[in-house]
Amino acid sequence: MHHIDSVSRLSIALICYVVLGALTWATITDPKLRAGTLVILALFAVKSVLRRRDLLHGDEDKVSEAEKAASVEVAES
């Protein structure tokens, strides 16, 4: 159920970024300011996706690091 929760939260966040992007496009007329705002929103969206991936796959990285440490200890003895 945790996985379903994170997917729906990510979906909601990405939809919010798209809505904010559309509002930015519709309301900001200065091209430089509009582009800067859209870039910042895109960076937040990328950060959200990367954070979700870290949360879902972070445990696998910890396990593989523990296995590497254990194999090093075995090799040394």
N, C-alpha and C. Protein backbone atom coordinates (compact mmCIF):
# COMPACT_ATOMS: atom_id res chain seq x y z
N MET A 1 0.82 -1.19 0.00
CA MET A 1 0.00 0.00 0.00
C MET A 1 0.86 1.25 0.00
N HIS A 2 2.05 1.15 0.58
CA HIS A 2 2.97 2.28 0.59
C HIS A 2 3.33 2.68 -0.83
N HIS A 3 3.52 1.71 -1.71
CA HIS A 3 3.86 1.99 -3.09
C HIS A 3 2.73 2.75 -3.79
N ILE A 4 1.49 2.34 -3.55
CA ILE A 4 0.34 3.02 -4.16
C ILE A 4 0.25 4.45 -3.65
N ASP A 5 0.52 4.65 -2.37
CA ASP A 5 0.50 5.98 -1.78
C ASP A 5 1.51 6.90 -2.46
N SER A 6 2.73 6.40 -2.67
CA SER A 6 3.76 7.24 -3.26
C SER A 6 3.48 7.55 -4.72
N VAL A 7 2.85 6.61 -5.42
CA VAL A 7 2.52 6.86 -6.82
C VAL A 7 1.44 7.93 -6.91
N SER A 8 0.43 7.85 -6.07
CA SER A 8 -0.63 8.84 -6.14
C SER A 8 -0.13 10.20 -5.69
N ARG A 9 0.74 10.24 -4.71
CA ARG A 9 1.31 11.52 -4.28
C ARG A 9 2.15 12.13 -5.39
N LEU A 10 2.93 11.30 -6.06
CA LEU A 10 3.74 11.80 -7.16
C LEU A 10 2.85 12.30 -8.29
N SER A 11 1.81 11.58 -8.59
CA SER A 11 0.88 12.00 -9.65
C SER A 11 0.25 13.34 -9.32
N ILE A 12 -0.16 13.49 -8.08
CA ILE A 12 -0.77 14.76 -7.65
C ILE A 12 0.24 15.89 -7.77
N ALA A 13 1.48 15.65 -7.34
CA ALA A 13 2.51 16.68 -7.42
C ALA A 13 2.78 17.07 -8.87
N LEU A 14 2.89 16.08 -9.75
CA LEU A 14 3.16 16.39 -11.15
C LEU A 14 2.00 17.14 -11.80
N ILE A 15 0.77 16.77 -11.45
CA ILE A 15 -0.39 17.50 -11.96
C ILE A 15 -0.37 18.95 -11.48
N CYS A 16 0.00 19.15 -10.23
CA CYS A 16 0.12 20.52 -9.70
C CYS A 16 1.18 21.32 -10.44
N TYR A 17 2.32 20.70 -10.74
CA TYR A 17 3.35 21.40 -11.50
C TYR A 17 2.86 21.78 -12.89
N VAL A 18 2.10 20.90 -13.52
CA VAL A 18 1.55 21.20 -14.85
C VAL A 18 0.55 22.36 -14.76
N VAL A 19 -0.31 22.34 -13.74
CA VAL A 19 -1.28 23.42 -13.56
C VAL A 19 -0.55 24.74 -13.31
N LEU A 20 0.46 24.71 -12.45
CA LEU A 20 1.23 25.93 -12.19
C LEU A 20 1.94 26.41 -13.46
N GLY A 21 2.43 25.47 -14.25
CA GLY A 21 3.07 25.85 -15.52
C GLY A 21 2.08 26.51 -16.46
N ALA A 22 0.87 25.96 -16.55
CA ALA A 22 -0.15 26.55 -17.42
C ALA A 22 -0.55 27.95 -16.92
N LEU A 23 -0.69 28.10 -15.62
CA LEU A 23 -1.00 29.41 -15.06
C LEU A 23 0.14 30.40 -15.30
N THR A 24 1.36 29.92 -15.19
CA THR A 24 2.53 30.77 -15.47
C THR A 24 2.49 31.24 -16.91
N TRP A 25 2.25 30.30 -17.81
CA TRP A 25 2.21 30.62 -19.24
C TRP A 25 1.11 31.65 -19.54
N ALA A 26 -0.03 31.50 -18.87
CA ALA A 26 -1.17 32.37 -19.15
C ALA A 26 -1.04 33.75 -18.52
N THR A 27 -0.32 33.86 -17.41
CA THR A 27 -0.33 35.12 -16.67
C THR A 27 0.94 35.94 -16.79
N ILE A 28 2.08 35.30 -17.01
CA ILE A 28 3.33 36.05 -17.09
C ILE A 28 3.61 36.35 -18.56
N THR A 29 3.76 37.64 -18.87
CA THR A 29 3.95 38.03 -20.26
C THR A 29 5.41 38.23 -20.64
N ASP A 30 6.26 38.55 -19.67
CA ASP A 30 7.68 38.74 -19.95
C ASP A 30 8.32 37.39 -20.28
N PRO A 31 8.89 37.23 -21.47
CA PRO A 31 9.42 35.92 -21.88
C PRO A 31 10.54 35.39 -20.97
N LYS A 32 11.41 36.26 -20.51
CA LYS A 32 12.51 35.80 -19.64
C LYS A 32 11.98 35.33 -18.30
N LEU A 33 11.08 36.08 -17.72
CA LEU A 33 10.51 35.71 -16.43
C LEU A 33 9.67 34.44 -16.56
N ARG A 34 8.92 34.33 -17.65
CA ARG A 34 8.12 33.14 -17.89
C ARG A 34 9.01 31.91 -18.02
N ALA A 35 10.07 32.04 -18.81
CA ALA A 35 10.99 30.91 -19.01
C ALA A 35 11.66 30.52 -17.70
N GLY A 36 12.09 31.50 -16.93
CA GLY A 36 12.74 31.22 -15.65
C GLY A 36 11.81 30.50 -14.69
N THR A 37 10.56 30.94 -14.65
CA THR A 37 9.58 30.30 -13.77
C THR A 37 9.30 28.87 -14.21
N LEU A 38 9.18 28.66 -15.52
CA LEU A 38 8.94 27.31 -16.03
C LEU A 38 10.12 26.38 -15.77
N VAL A 39 11.33 26.92 -15.86
CA VAL A 39 12.52 26.11 -15.56
C VAL A 39 12.52 25.70 -14.10
N ILE A 40 12.19 26.62 -13.21
CA ILE A 40 12.15 26.30 -11.78
C ILE A 40 11.09 25.23 -11.50
N LEU A 41 9.93 25.36 -12.12
CA LEU A 41 8.88 24.35 -11.94
C LEU A 41 9.35 22.99 -12.47
N ALA A 42 10.03 23.00 -13.60
CA ALA A 42 10.54 21.74 -14.16
C ALA A 42 11.57 21.11 -13.23
N LEU A 43 12.41 21.93 -12.62
CA LEU A 43 13.41 21.40 -11.68
C LEU A 43 12.73 20.76 -10.47
N PHE A 44 11.68 21.40 -9.97
CA PHE A 44 10.93 20.81 -8.86
C PHE A 44 10.30 19.48 -9.26
N ALA A 45 9.78 19.41 -10.48
CA ALA A 45 9.18 18.16 -10.96
C ALA A 45 10.23 17.05 -11.04
N VAL A 46 11.40 17.39 -11.57
CA VAL A 46 12.48 16.40 -11.67
C VAL A 46 12.91 15.96 -10.28
N LYS A 47 13.03 16.92 -9.37
CA LYS A 47 13.42 16.58 -8.00
C LYS A 47 12.39 15.65 -7.35
N SER A 48 11.12 15.88 -7.60
CA SER A 48 10.08 15.02 -7.04
C SER A 48 10.19 13.59 -7.57
N VAL A 49 10.44 13.46 -8.86
CA VAL A 49 10.56 12.13 -9.46
C VAL A 49 11.80 11.42 -8.92
N LEU A 50 12.92 12.13 -8.84
CA LEU A 50 14.15 11.52 -8.34
C LEU A 50 14.03 11.14 -6.87
N ARG A 51 13.35 11.96 -6.09
CA ARG A 51 13.16 11.65 -4.67
C ARG A 51 12.31 10.39 -4.50
N ARG A 52 11.28 10.26 -5.33
CA ARG A 52 10.44 9.06 -5.26
C ARG A 52 11.26 7.83 -5.60
N ARG A 53 12.11 7.94 -6.62
CA ARG A 53 12.94 6.81 -7.02
C ARG A 53 13.91 6.44 -5.89
N ASP A 54 14.46 7.46 -5.22
CA ASP A 54 15.35 7.18 -4.08
C ASP A 54 14.61 6.47 -2.97
N LEU A 55 13.40 6.89 -2.69
CA LEU A 55 12.62 6.25 -1.62
C LEU A 55 12.27 4.81 -1.96
N LEU A 56 11.93 4.55 -3.22
CA LEU A 56 11.52 3.21 -3.60
C LEU A 56 12.71 2.27 -3.75
N HIS A 57 13.84 2.77 -4.21
CA HIS A 57 14.98 1.92 -4.49
C HIS A 57 16.13 2.12 -3.50
N GLY A 58 15.95 2.96 -2.52
CA GLY A 58 17.00 3.21 -1.53
C GLY A 58 17.31 1.99 -0.70
N ASP A 59 16.30 1.19 -0.38
CA ASP A 59 16.50 -0.02 0.42
C ASP A 59 17.36 -1.03 -0.33
N GLU A 60 17.19 -1.11 -1.66
CA GLU A 60 17.99 -2.03 -2.46
C GLU A 60 19.46 -1.63 -2.44
N ASP A 61 19.72 -0.32 -2.48
CA ASP A 61 21.10 0.16 -2.42
C ASP A 61 21.74 -0.18 -1.08
N LYS A 62 20.98 -0.03 0.00
CA LYS A 62 21.51 -0.34 1.33
C LYS A 62 21.82 -1.83 1.44
N VAL A 63 20.96 -2.67 0.89
CA VAL A 63 21.17 -4.11 0.93
C VAL A 63 22.41 -4.47 0.14
N SER A 64 22.57 -3.89 -1.05
CA SER A 64 23.74 -4.22 -1.87
C SER A 64 25.02 -3.73 -1.20
N GLU A 65 24.98 -2.59 -0.52
CA GLU A 65 26.16 -2.11 0.21
C GLU A 65 26.50 -3.06 1.36
N ALA A 66 25.49 -3.56 2.06
CA ALA A 66 25.71 -4.51 3.15
C ALA A 66 26.29 -5.81 2.61
N GLU A 67 25.80 -6.27 1.46
CA GLU A 67 26.33 -7.49 0.85
C GLU A 67 27.78 -7.29 0.43
N LYS A 68 28.11 -6.11 -0.10
CA LYS A 68 29.49 -5.83 -0.51
C LYS A 68 30.40 -5.83 0.71
N ALA A 69 29.94 -5.20 1.80
CA ALA A 69 30.75 -5.16 3.02
C ALA A 69 30.96 -6.56 3.57
N ALA A 70 29.91 -7.37 3.54
CA ALA A 70 30.03 -8.75 4.02
C ALA A 70 30.98 -9.56 3.15
N SER A 71 30.94 -9.38 1.85
CA SER A 71 31.83 -10.13 0.97
C SER A 71 33.28 -9.69 1.14
N VAL A 72 33.50 -8.40 1.44
CA VAL A 72 34.85 -7.91 1.69
C VAL A 72 35.40 -8.53 2.97
N GLU A 73 34.54 -8.61 4.02
CA GLU A 73 34.96 -9.21 5.28
C GLU A 73 35.31 -10.68 5.10
N VAL A 74 34.53 -11.39 4.31
CA VAL A 74 34.78 -12.80 4.05
C VAL A 74 36.08 -12.95 3.28
N ALA A 75 36.31 -12.10 2.30
CA ALA A 75 37.51 -12.18 1.48
C ALA A 75 38.76 -11.87 2.31
N GLU A 76 38.65 -10.98 3.29
CA GLU A 76 39.80 -10.61 4.10
C GLU A 76 40.16 -11.70 5.09
N SER A 77 39.22 -12.52 5.49
CA SER A 77 39.52 -13.53 6.51
C SER A 77 39.92 -14.85 5.91
